[in-house]
């Protein structure tokens, strides 16, 4: 059974479409994502990282040092706290096991 020239042309066009279309769609997606990225934000992050690397004292933003009681989320809720004997993590008084090291609390 021989193929007519029209049917052969349609098959060649369909084959080319199947091969070329995904590549073109991918390249279009790539270009669209490049256009959408925020170049100014990326440059700011790179500049901050470079300043931090060049700074002899470390980061150029203030670092807050919190005590264990202030850093604990339980201190904000004013709940009674039981401290784990093994790791020192504050836990809710009703807790059976430590939330950090999973040892049984007294």
PDB file of N, CA and C in Angstrom:
ATOM      1  N   UNK A   1       0.834  -1.160   0.000  1.00  0.00           N
ATOM      2  CA  UNK A   1       0.000   0.000   0.000  1.00  0.00           C
ATOM      3  C   UNK A   1       0.897   1.247   0.000  1.00  0.00           C
ATOM      4  N   UNK A   2       0.751   2.042  -0.989  1.00  0.00           N
ATOM      5  CA  UNK A   2       1.617   3.197  -1.137  1.00  0.00           C
ATOM      6  C   UNK A   2       0.937   4.439  -0.586  1.00  0.00           C
ATOM      7  N   UNK A   3       1.748   5.303  -0.032  1.00  0.00           N
ATOM      8  CA  UNK A   3       1.243   6.532   0.547  1.00  0.00           C
ATOM      9  C   UNK A   3       1.167   7.615  -0.521  1.00  0.00           C
ATOM     10  N   UNK A   4       0.131   8.390  -0.450  1.00  0.00           N
ATOM     11  CA  UNK A   4       0.048   9.502  -1.391  1.00  0.00           C
ATOM     12  C   UNK A   4       0.978  10.606  -0.923  1.00  0.00           C
ATOM     13  N   UNK A   5       1.285  11.522  -1.787  1.00  0.00           N
ATOM     14  CA  UNK A   5       2.210  12.600  -1.453  1.00  0.00           C
ATOM     15  C   UNK A   5       1.637  13.511  -0.365  1.00  0.00           C
ATOM     16  N   UNK A   6       0.337  13.712  -0.344  1.00  0.00           N
ATOM     17  CA  UNK A   6      -0.299  14.554   0.662  1.00  0.00           C
ATOM     18  C   UNK A   6      -0.188  13.902   2.033  1.00  0.00           C
ATOM     19  N   UNK A   7      -0.465  12.587   2.093  1.00  0.00           N
ATOM     20  CA  UNK A   7      -0.380  11.881   3.366  1.00  0.00           C
ATOM     21  C   UNK A   7       1.053  11.858   3.878  1.00  0.00           C
ATOM     22  N   UNK A   8       2.005  11.678   2.969  1.00  0.00           N
ATOM     23  CA  UNK A   8       3.413  11.692   3.342  1.00  0.00           C
ATOM     24  C   UNK A   8       3.822  13.074   3.865  1.00  0.00           C
ATOM     25  N   UNK A   9       3.375  14.130   3.210  1.00  0.00           N
ATOM     26  CA  UNK A   9       3.693  15.492   3.640  1.00  0.00           C
ATOM     27  C   UNK A   9       3.103  15.760   5.024  1.00  0.00           C
ATOM     28  N   UNK A  10       1.877  15.311   5.282  1.00  0.00           N
ATOM     29  CA  UNK A  10       1.255  15.497   6.586  1.00  0.00           C
ATOM     30  C   UNK A  10       2.011  14.755   7.683  1.00  0.00           C
ATOM     31  N   UNK A  11       2.478  13.560   7.361  1.00  0.00           N
ATOM     32  CA  UNK A  11       3.244  12.802   8.354  1.00  0.00           C
ATOM     33  C   UNK A  11       4.593  13.469   8.658  1.00  0.00           C
ATOM     34  N   UNK A  12       5.240  13.997   7.638  1.00  0.00           N
ATOM     35  CA  UNK A  12       6.517  14.689   7.839  1.00  0.00           C
ATOM     36  C   UNK A  12       6.299  15.946   8.684  1.00  0.00           C
ATOM     37  N   UNK A  13       5.246  16.699   8.386  1.00  0.00           N
ATOM     38  CA  UNK A  13       4.943  17.903   9.155  1.00  0.00           C
ATOM     39  C   UNK A  13       4.619  17.546  10.600  1.00  0.00           C
ATOM     40  N   UNK A  14       3.842  16.494  10.831  1.00  0.00           N
ATOM     41  CA  UNK A  14       3.507  16.071  12.191  1.00  0.00           C
ATOM     42  C   UNK A  14       4.769  15.635  12.939  1.00  0.00           C
ATOM     43  N   UNK A  15       5.652  14.917  12.274  1.00  0.00           N
ATOM     44  CA  UNK A  15       6.910  14.493  12.889  1.00  0.00           C
ATOM     45  C   UNK A  15       7.783  15.680  13.268  1.00  0.00           C
ATOM     46  N   UNK A  16       7.890  16.649  12.367  1.00  0.00           N
ATOM     47  CA  UNK A  16       8.667  17.837  12.661  1.00  0.00           C
ATOM     48  C   UNK A  16       8.065  18.609  13.842  1.00  0.00           C
ATOM     49  N   UNK A  17       6.735  18.681  13.890  1.00  0.00           N
ATOM     50  CA  UNK A  17       6.066  19.372  14.985  1.00  0.00           C
ATOM     51  C   UNK A  17       6.374  18.687  16.319  1.00  0.00           C
ATOM     52  N   UNK A  18       6.313  17.361  16.327  1.00  0.00           N
ATOM     53  CA  UNK A  18       6.569  16.607  17.558  1.00  0.00           C
ATOM     54  C   UNK A  18       8.019  16.788  18.012  1.00  0.00           C
ATOM     55  N   UNK A  19       8.929  16.962  17.081  1.00  0.00           N
ATOM     56  CA  UNK A  19      10.332  17.123  17.436  1.00  0.00           C
ATOM     57  C   UNK A  19      10.654  18.561  17.831  1.00  0.00           C
ATOM     58  N   UNK A  20      10.138  19.523  17.099  1.00  0.00           N
ATOM     59  CA  UNK A  20      10.524  20.920  17.276  1.00  0.00           C
ATOM     60  C   UNK A  20       9.701  21.640  18.359  1.00  0.00           C
ATOM     61  N   UNK A  21       8.428  21.333  18.481  1.00  0.00           N
ATOM     62  CA  UNK A  21       7.545  22.069  19.396  1.00  0.00           C
ATOM     63  C   UNK A  21       7.998  22.015  20.853  1.00  0.00           C
ATOM     64  N   UNK A  22       8.351  20.870  21.421  1.00  0.00           N
ATOM     65  CA  UNK A  22       8.793  20.874  22.826  1.00  0.00           C
ATOM     66  C   UNK A  22      10.038  21.724  23.053  1.00  0.00           C
ATOM     67  N   UNK A  23      10.955  21.718  22.095  1.00  0.00           N
ATOM     68  CA  UNK A  23      12.162  22.529  22.226  1.00  0.00           C
ATOM     69  C   UNK A  23      11.816  24.012  22.227  1.00  0.00           C
ATOM     70  N   UNK A  24      10.954  24.423  21.316  1.00  0.00           N
ATOM     71  CA  UNK A  24      10.550  25.824  21.263  1.00  0.00           C
ATOM     72  C   UNK A  24       9.782  26.240  22.513  1.00  0.00           C
ATOM     73  N   UNK A  25       8.918  25.372  23.015  1.00  0.00           N
ATOM     74  CA  UNK A  25       8.182  25.675  24.238  1.00  0.00           C
ATOM     75  C   UNK A  25       9.129  25.807  25.437  1.00  0.00           C
ATOM     76  N   UNK A  26      10.124  24.928  25.519  1.00  0.00           N
ATOM     77  CA  UNK A  26      11.098  24.996  26.598  1.00  0.00           C
ATOM     78  C   UNK A  26      11.899  26.287  26.527  1.00  0.00           C
ATOM     79  N   UNK A  27      12.363  26.650  25.337  1.00  0.00           N
ATOM     80  CA  UNK A  27      13.130  27.885  25.190  1.00  0.00           C
ATOM     81  C   UNK A  27      12.277  29.105  25.520  1.00  0.00           C
ATOM     82  N   UNK A  28      11.004  29.084  25.151  1.00  0.00           N
ATOM     83  CA  UNK A  28      10.107  30.178  25.500  1.00  0.00           C
ATOM     84  C   UNK A  28       9.914  30.285  27.002  1.00  0.00           C
ATOM     85  N   UNK A  29       9.762  29.147  27.685  1.00  0.00           N
ATOM     86  CA  UNK A  29       9.635  29.138  29.136  1.00  0.00           C
ATOM     87  C   UNK A  29      10.901  29.682  29.784  1.00  0.00           C
ATOM     88  N   UNK A  30      12.057  29.269  29.284  1.00  0.00           N
ATOM     89  CA  UNK A  30      13.338  29.720  29.822  1.00  0.00           C
ATOM     90  C   UNK A  30      13.477  31.229  29.696  1.00  0.00           C
ATOM     91  N   UNK A  31      13.168  31.756  28.524  1.00  0.00           N
ATOM     92  CA  UNK A  31      13.259  33.203  28.305  1.00  0.00           C
ATOM     93  C   UNK A  31      12.265  33.945  29.197  1.00  0.00           C
ATOM     94  N   UNK A  32      11.068  33.405  29.343  1.00  0.00           N
ATOM     95  CA  UNK A  32      10.067  34.038  30.205  1.00  0.00           C
ATOM     96  C   UNK A  32      10.512  34.085  31.653  1.00  0.00           C
ATOM     97  N   UNK A  33      11.103  32.988  32.146  1.00  0.00           N
ATOM     98  CA  UNK A  33      11.592  32.968  33.527  1.00  0.00           C
ATOM     99  C   UNK A  33      12.753  33.931  33.723  1.00  0.00           C
ATOM    100  N   UNK A  34      13.630  34.041  32.730  1.00  0.00           N
ATOM    101  CA  UNK A  34      14.725  35.001  32.816  1.00  0.00           C
ATOM    102  C   UNK A  34      14.196  36.427  32.861  1.00  0.00           C
ATOM    103  N   UNK A  35      13.139  36.707  32.095  1.00  0.00           N
ATOM    104  CA  UNK A  35      12.568  38.051  32.081  1.00  0.00           C
ATOM    105  C   UNK A  35      11.869  38.366  33.396  1.00  0.00           C
ATOM    106  N   UNK A  36      11.336  37.367  34.076  1.00  0.00           N
ATOM    107  CA  UNK A  36      10.581  37.589  35.306  1.00  0.00           C
ATOM    108  C   UNK A  36      11.457  37.707  36.545  1.00  0.00           C
ATOM    109  N   UNK A  37      12.679  37.232  36.496  1.00  0.00           N
ATOM    110  CA  UNK A  37      13.494  37.265  37.706  1.00  0.00           C
ATOM    111  C   UNK A  37      13.823  38.697  38.071  1.00  0.00           C
ATOM    112  N   UNK A  38      14.027  38.925  39.343  1.00  0.00           N
ATOM    113  CA  UNK A  38      14.260  40.257  39.857  1.00  0.00           C
ATOM    114  C   UNK A  38      15.768  40.477  39.969  1.00  0.00           C
ATOM    115  N   UNK A  39      16.359  41.046  38.938  1.00  0.00           N
ATOM    116  CA  UNK A  39      17.808  41.218  38.905  1.00  0.00           C
ATOM    117  C   UNK A  39      18.307  42.148  40.004  1.00  0.00           C
ATOM    118  N   UNK A  40      17.540  43.164  40.342  1.00  0.00           N
ATOM    119  CA  UNK A  40      17.961  44.104  41.373  1.00  0.00           C
ATOM    120  C   UNK A  40      18.061  43.417  42.735  1.00  0.00           C
ATOM    121  N   UNK A  41      17.102  42.554  43.050  1.00  0.00           N
ATOM    122  CA  UNK A  41      17.137  41.826  44.317  1.00  0.00           C
ATOM    123  C   UNK A  41      18.344  40.895  44.372  1.00  0.00           C
ATOM    124  N   UNK A  42      18.637  40.221  43.276  1.00  0.00           N
ATOM    125  CA  UNK A  42      19.793  39.320  43.222  1.00  0.00           C
ATOM    126  C   UNK A  42      21.085  40.099  43.425  1.00  0.00           C
ATOM    127  N   UNK A  43      21.195  41.281  42.817  1.00  0.00           N
ATOM    128  CA  UNK A  43      22.396  42.097  42.983  1.00  0.00           C
ATOM    129  C   UNK A  43      22.547  42.566  44.429  1.00  0.00           C
ATOM    130  N   UNK A  44      21.441  42.922  45.082  1.00  0.00           N
ATOM    131  CA  UNK A  44      21.515  43.339  46.482  1.00  0.00           C
ATOM    132  C   UNK A  44      22.006  42.209  47.373  1.00  0.00           C
ATOM    133  N   UNK A  45      21.536  41.005  47.126  1.00  0.00           N
ATOM    134  CA  UNK A  45      21.970  39.857  47.928  1.00  0.00           C
ATOM    135  C   UNK A  45      23.453  39.594  47.713  1.00  0.00           C
ATOM    136  N   UNK A  46      23.908  39.671  46.469  1.00  0.00           N
ATOM    137  CA  UNK A  46      25.337  39.462  46.193  1.00  0.00           C
ATOM    138  C   UNK A  46      26.187  40.546  46.847  1.00  0.00           C
ATOM    139  N   UNK A  47      25.741  41.803  46.803  1.00  0.00           N
ATOM    140  CA  UNK A  47      26.493  42.882  47.430  1.00  0.00           C
ATOM    141  C   UNK A  47      26.560  42.696  48.944  1.00  0.00           C
ATOM    142  N   UNK A  48      25.453  42.289  49.557  1.00  0.00           N
ATOM    143  CA  UNK A  48      25.444  42.060  51.008  1.00  0.00           C
ATOM    144  C   UNK A  48      26.391  40.926  51.370  1.00  0.00           C
ATOM    145  N   UNK A  49      26.398  39.860  50.570  1.00  0.00           N
ATOM    146  CA  UNK A  49      27.296  38.735  50.851  1.00  0.00           C
ATOM    147  C   UNK A  49      28.756  39.158  50.700  1.00  0.00           C
ATOM    148  N   UNK A  50      29.055  39.975  49.712  1.00  0.00           N
ATOM    149  CA  UNK A  50      30.426  40.449  49.536  1.00  0.00           C
ATOM    150  C   UNK A  50      30.852  41.339  50.697  1.00  0.00           C
ATOM    151  N   UNK A  51      29.952  42.240  51.166  1.00  0.00           N
ATOM    152  CA  UNK A  51      30.278  43.091  52.305  1.00  0.00           C
ATOM    153  C   UNK A  51      30.519  42.259  53.550  1.00  0.00           C
ATOM    154  N   UNK A  52      29.718  41.206  53.722  1.00  0.00           N
ATOM    155  CA  UNK A  52      29.868  40.344  54.895  1.00  0.00           C
ATOM    156  C   UNK A  52      31.198  39.606  54.840  1.00  0.00           C
ATOM    157  N   UNK A  53      31.596  39.148  53.650  1.00  0.00           N
ATOM    158  CA  UNK A  53      32.873  38.455  53.514  1.00  0.00           C
ATOM    159  C   UNK A  53      34.053  39.387  53.766  1.00  0.00           C
ATOM    160  N   UNK A  54      33.916  40.654  53.368  1.00  0.00           N
ATOM    161  CA  UNK A  54      35.012  41.607  53.528  1.00  0.00           C
ATOM    162  C   UNK A  54      35.076  42.195  54.932  1.00  0.00           C
ATOM    163  N   UNK A  55      33.994  42.150  55.668  1.00  0.00           N
ATOM    164  CA  UNK A  55      33.938  42.725  57.002  1.00  0.00           C
ATOM    165  C   UNK A  55      34.744  41.870  57.981  1.00  0.00           C
ATOM    166  N   UNK A  56      35.670  42.481  58.740  1.00  0.00           N
ATOM    167  CA  UNK A  56      36.464  41.683  59.687  1.00  0.00           C
ATOM    168  C   UNK A  56      35.672  41.268  60.914  1.00  0.00           C
ATOM    169  N   UNK A  57      34.585  41.966  61.216  1.00  0.00           N
ATOM    170  CA  UNK A  57      33.820  41.662  62.422  1.00  0.00           C
ATOM    171  C   UNK A  57      32.666  40.711  62.168  1.00  0.00           C
ATOM    172  N   UNK A  58      32.452  40.300  60.939  1.00  0.00           N
ATOM    173  CA  UNK A  58      31.346  39.399  60.640  1.00  0.00           C
ATOM    174  C   UNK A  58      30.197  40.139  59.989  1.00  0.00           C
ATOM    175  N   UNK A  59      28.966  39.747  60.274  1.00  0.00           N
ATOM    176  CA  UNK A  59      27.817  40.353  59.614  1.00  0.00           C
ATOM    177  C   UNK A  59      27.656  41.827  59.976  1.00  0.00           C
ATOM    178  N   UNK A  60      27.097  42.621  59.031  1.00  0.00           N
ATOM    179  CA  UNK A  60      26.943  44.047  59.256  1.00  0.00           C
ATOM    180  C   UNK A  60      25.567  44.407  59.799  1.00  0.00           C
ATOM    181  N   UNK A  61      24.800  43.457  60.228  1.00  0.00           N
ATOM    182  CA  UNK A  61      23.526  43.742  60.855  1.00  0.00           C
ATOM    183  C   UNK A  61      23.629  43.372  62.330  1.00  0.00           C
ATOM    184  N   UNK A  62      22.844  44.044  63.187  1.00  0.00           N
ATOM    185  CA  UNK A  62      22.950  43.757  64.623  1.00  0.00           C
ATOM    186  C   UNK A  62      22.441  42.366  64.959  1.00  0.00           C
ATOM    187  N   UNK A  63      23.143  41.714  65.844  1.00  0.00           N
ATOM    188  CA  UNK A  63      22.759  40.377  66.274  1.00  0.00           C
ATOM    189  C   UNK A  63      22.246  40.481  67.701  1.00  0.00           C
ATOM    190  N   UNK A  64      21.015  40.049  67.926  1.00  0.00           N
ATOM    191  CA  UNK A  64      20.437  40.070  69.255  1.00  0.00           C
ATOM    192  C   UNK A  64      20.798  38.786  69.979  1.00  0.00           C
ATOM    193  N   UNK A  65      21.334  38.928  71.170  1.00  0.00           N
ATOM    194  CA  UNK A  65      21.652  37.765  71.974  1.00  0.00           C
ATOM    195  C   UNK A  65      20.535  37.604  72.995  1.00  0.00           C
ATOM    196  N   UNK A  66      19.863  36.457  72.958  1.00  0.00           N
ATOM    197  CA  UNK A  66      18.768  36.193  73.870  1.00  0.00           C
ATOM    198  C   UNK A  66      19.198  35.172  74.906  1.00  0.00           C
ATOM    199  N   UNK A  67      18.705  35.330  76.093  1.00  0.00           N
ATOM    200  CA  UNK A  67      18.945  34.314  77.103  1.00  0.00           C
ATOM    201  C   UNK A  67      18.039  33.128  76.805  1.00  0.00           C
ATOM    202  N   UNK A  68      18.288  32.009  77.457  1.00  0.00           N
ATOM    203  CA  UNK A  68      17.475  30.816  77.219  1.00  0.00           C
ATOM    204  C   UNK A  68      16.011  31.062  77.537  1.00  0.00           C
ATOM    205  N   UNK A  69      15.743  31.821  78.592  1.00  0.00           N
ATOM    206  CA  UNK A  69      14.359  32.089  78.967  1.00  0.00           C
ATOM    207  C   UNK A  69      13.664  32.967  77.939  1.00  0.00           C
ATOM    208  N   UNK A  70      14.394  33.945  77.364  1.00  0.00           N
ATOM    209  CA  UNK A  70      13.797  34.807  76.356  1.00  0.00           C
ATOM    210  C   UNK A  70      13.629  34.084  75.030  1.00  0.00           C
ATOM    211  N   UNK A  71      14.541  33.197  74.693  1.00  0.00           N
ATOM    212  CA  UNK A  71      14.499  32.515  73.406  1.00  0.00           C
ATOM    213  C   UNK A  71      13.436  31.431  73.381  1.00  0.00           C
ATOM    214  N   UNK A  72      13.000  30.972  74.513  1.00  0.00           N
ATOM    215  CA  UNK A  72      12.019  29.898  74.569  1.00  0.00           C
ATOM    216  C   UNK A  72      10.645  30.396  74.165  1.00  0.00           C
ATOM    217  N   UNK A  73       9.952  29.696  73.274  1.00  0.00           N
ATOM    218  CA  UNK A  73       8.597  30.100  72.920  1.00  0.00           C
ATOM    219  C   UNK A  73       7.643  29.972  74.105  1.00  0.00           C
ATOM    220  N   UNK A  74       8.010  29.197  75.102  1.00  0.00           N
ATOM    221  CA  UNK A  74       7.143  29.022  76.261  1.00  0.00           C
ATOM    222  C   UNK A  74       7.139  30.267  77.141  1.00  0.00           C
ATOM    223  N   UNK A  75       8.200  31.101  77.050  1.00  0.00           N
ATOM    224  CA  UNK A  75       8.245  32.296  77.883  1.00  0.00           C
ATOM    225  C   UNK A  75       7.214  33.321  77.438  1.00  0.00           C
ATOM    226  N   UNK A  76       6.844  33.302  76.155  1.00  0.00           N
ATOM    227  CA  UNK A  76       5.846  34.244  75.653  1.00  0.00           C
ATOM    228  C   UNK A  76       4.447  33.883  76.131  1.00  0.00           C
ATOM    229  N   UNK A  77       4.185  32.615  76.373  1.00  0.00           N
ATOM    230  CA  UNK A  77       2.847  32.179  76.756  1.00  0.00           C
ATOM    231  C   UNK A  77       2.659  32.148  78.262  1.00  0.00           C
ATOM    232  N   UNK A  78       3.725  32.404  79.021  1.00  0.00           N
ATOM    233  CA  UNK A  78       3.681  32.406  80.489  1.00  0.00           C
ATOM    234  C   UNK A  78       3.171  31.081  81.047  1.00  0.00           C
ATOM    235  N   UNK A  79       3.530  29.975  80.412  1.00  0.00           N
ATOM    236  CA  UNK A  79       3.137  28.649  80.891  1.00  0.00           C
ATOM    237  C   UNK A  79       4.216  28.141  81.836  1.00  0.00           C
ATOM    238  N   UNK A  80       3.847  27.213  82.686  1.00  0.00           N
ATOM    239  CA  UNK A  80       4.845  26.618  83.566  1.00  0.00           C
ATOM    240  C   UNK A  80       5.725  25.681  82.741  1.00  0.00           C
ATOM    241  N   UNK A  81       6.986  25.678  83.093  1.00  0.00           N
ATOM    242  CA  UNK A  81       7.991  25.011  82.275  1.00  0.00           C
ATOM    243  C   UNK A  81       8.720  23.973  83.108  1.00  0.00           C
ATOM    244  N   UNK A  82       9.009  22.839  82.477  1.00  0.00           N
ATOM    245  CA  UNK A  82       9.846  21.800  83.067  1.00  0.00           C
ATOM    246  C   UNK A  82      11.082  21.689  82.189  1.00  0.00           C
ATOM    247  N   UNK A  83      12.269  21.783  82.796  1.00  0.00           N
ATOM    248  CA  UNK A  83      13.509  21.716  82.040  1.00  0.00           C
ATOM    249  C   UNK A  83      14.001  20.277  81.988  1.00  0.00           C
ATOM    250  N   UNK A  84      14.408  19.845  80.827  1.00  0.00           N
ATOM    251  CA  UNK A  84      14.926  18.489  80.631  1.00  0.00           C
ATOM    252  C   UNK A  84      16.276  18.368  81.336  1.00  0.00           C
ATOM    253  N   UNK A  85      16.465  17.285  82.082  1.00  0.00           N
ATOM    254  CA  UNK A  85      17.723  17.058  82.791  1.00  0.00           C
ATOM    255  C   UNK A  85      18.856  16.706  81.835  1.00  0.00           C
ATOM    256  N   UNK A  86      18.531  16.116  80.679  1.00  0.00           N
ATOM    257  CA  UNK A  86      19.555  15.658  79.749  1.00  0.00           C
ATOM    258  C   UNK A  86      20.103  16.795  78.893  1.00  0.00           C
ATOM    259  N   UNK A  87      19.191  17.552  78.241  1.00  0.00           N
ATOM    260  CA  UNK A  87      19.653  18.566  77.294  1.00  0.00           C
ATOM    261  C   UNK A  87      19.354  19.992  77.736  1.00  0.00           C
ATOM    262  N   UNK A  88      18.540  20.185  78.762  1.00  0.00           N
ATOM    263  CA  UNK A  88      18.248  21.516  79.266  1.00  0.00           C
ATOM    264  C   UNK A  88      17.178  22.267  78.489  1.00  0.00           C
ATOM    265  N   UNK A  89      16.445  21.593  77.618  1.00  0.00           N
ATOM    266  CA  UNK A  89      15.395  22.244  76.835  1.00  0.00           C
ATOM    267  C   UNK A  89      14.161  22.463  77.695  1.00  0.00           C
ATOM    268  N   UNK A  90      13.576  23.673  77.644  1.00  0.00           N
ATOM    269  CA  UNK A  90      12.338  23.899  78.387  1.00  0.00           C
ATOM    270  C   UNK A  90      11.162  23.216  77.694  1.00  0.00           C
ATOM    271  N   UNK A  91      10.329  22.527  78.462  1.00  0.00           N
ATOM    272  CA  UNK A  91       9.160  21.821  77.945  1.00  0.00           C
ATOM    273  C   UNK A  91       7.933  22.227  78.749  1.00  0.00           C
ATOM    274  N   UNK A  92       6.767  22.034  78.183  1.00  0.00           N
ATOM    275  CA  UNK A  92       5.514  22.300  78.884  1.00  0.00           C
ATOM    276  C   UNK A  92       5.431  21.353  80.076  1.00  0.00           C
ATOM    277  N   UNK A  93       4.826  21.810  81.146  1.00  0.00           N
ATOM    278  CA  UNK A  93       4.785  21.025  82.381  1.00  0.00           C
ATOM    279  C   UNK A  93       4.076  19.680  82.179  1.00  0.00           C
ATOM    280  N   UNK A  94       3.070  19.607  81.313  1.00  0.00           N
ATOM    281  CA  UNK A  94       2.314  18.376  81.086  1.00  0.00           C
ATOM    282  C   UNK A  94       3.019  17.399  80.155  1.00  0.00           C
ATOM    283  N   UNK A  95       4.170  17.774  79.595  1.00  0.00           N
ATOM    284  CA  UNK A  95       4.856  16.918  78.628  1.00  0.00           C
ATOM    285  C   UNK A  95       5.423  15.679  79.307  1.00  0.00           C
ATOM    286  N   UNK A  96       5.333  14.556  78.620  1.00  0.00           N
ATOM    287  CA  UNK A  96       5.890  13.305  79.128  1.00  0.00           C
ATOM    288  C   UNK A  96       7.319  13.114  78.640  1.00  0.00           C
ATOM    289  N   UNK A  97       7.594  13.553  77.395  1.00  0.00           N
ATOM    290  CA  UNK A  97       8.913  13.402  76.798  1.00  0.00           C
ATOM    291  C   UNK A  97       9.443  14.769  76.367  1.00  0.00           C
ATOM    292  N   UNK A  98      10.754  14.925  76.367  1.00  0.00           N
ATOM    293  CA  UNK A  98      11.401  16.160  75.947  1.00  0.00           C
ATOM    294  C   UNK A  98      11.188  16.363  74.445  1.00  0.00           C
ATOM    295  N   UNK A  99      10.878  17.586  74.046  1.00  0.00           N
ATOM    296  CA  UNK A  99      10.637  17.861  72.638  1.00  0.00           C
ATOM    297  C   UNK A  99      11.917  17.877  71.819  1.00  0.00           C
ATOM    298  N   UNK A 100      13.075  17.985  72.474  1.00  0.00           N
ATOM    299  CA  UNK A 100      14.340  18.036  71.751  1.00  0.00           C
ATOM    300  C   UNK A 100      15.024  16.674  71.675  1.00  0.00           C
ATOM    301  N   UNK A 101      15.232  16.031  72.830  1.00  0.00           N
ATOM    302  CA  UNK A 101      16.010  14.779  72.844  1.00  0.00           C
ATOM    303  C   UNK A 101      15.149  13.530  73.095  1.00  0.00           C
ATOM    304  N   UNK A 102      13.857  13.715  73.331  1.00  0.00           N
ATOM    305  CA  UNK A 102      12.878  12.639  73.491  1.00  0.00           C
ATOM    306  C   UNK A 102      13.147  11.735  74.697  1.00  0.00           C
ATOM    307  N   UNK A 103      13.863  12.248  75.696  1.00  0.00           N
ATOM    308  CA  UNK A 103      14.008  11.470  76.926  1.00  0.00           C
ATOM    309  C   UNK A 103      12.778  11.711  77.800  1.00  0.00           C
ATOM    310  N   UNK A 104      12.466  10.756  78.649  1.00  0.00           N
ATOM    311  CA  UNK A 104      11.294  10.862  79.493  1.00  0.00           C
ATOM    312  C   UNK A 104      11.533  11.882  80.597  1.00  0.00           C
ATOM    313  N   UNK A 105      10.570  12.772  80.777  1.00  0.00           N
ATOM    314  CA  UNK A 105      10.671  13.816  81.797  1.00  0.00           C
ATOM    315  C   UNK A 105      10.116  13.309  83.130  1.00  0.00           C
ATOM    316  N   UNK A 106      10.628  13.873  84.213  1.00  0.00           N
ATOM    317  CA  UNK A 106      10.158  13.466  85.541  1.00  0.00           C
ATOM    318  C   UNK A 106       8.859  14.132  85.868  1.00  0.00           C
TER     319      UNK A 106
END
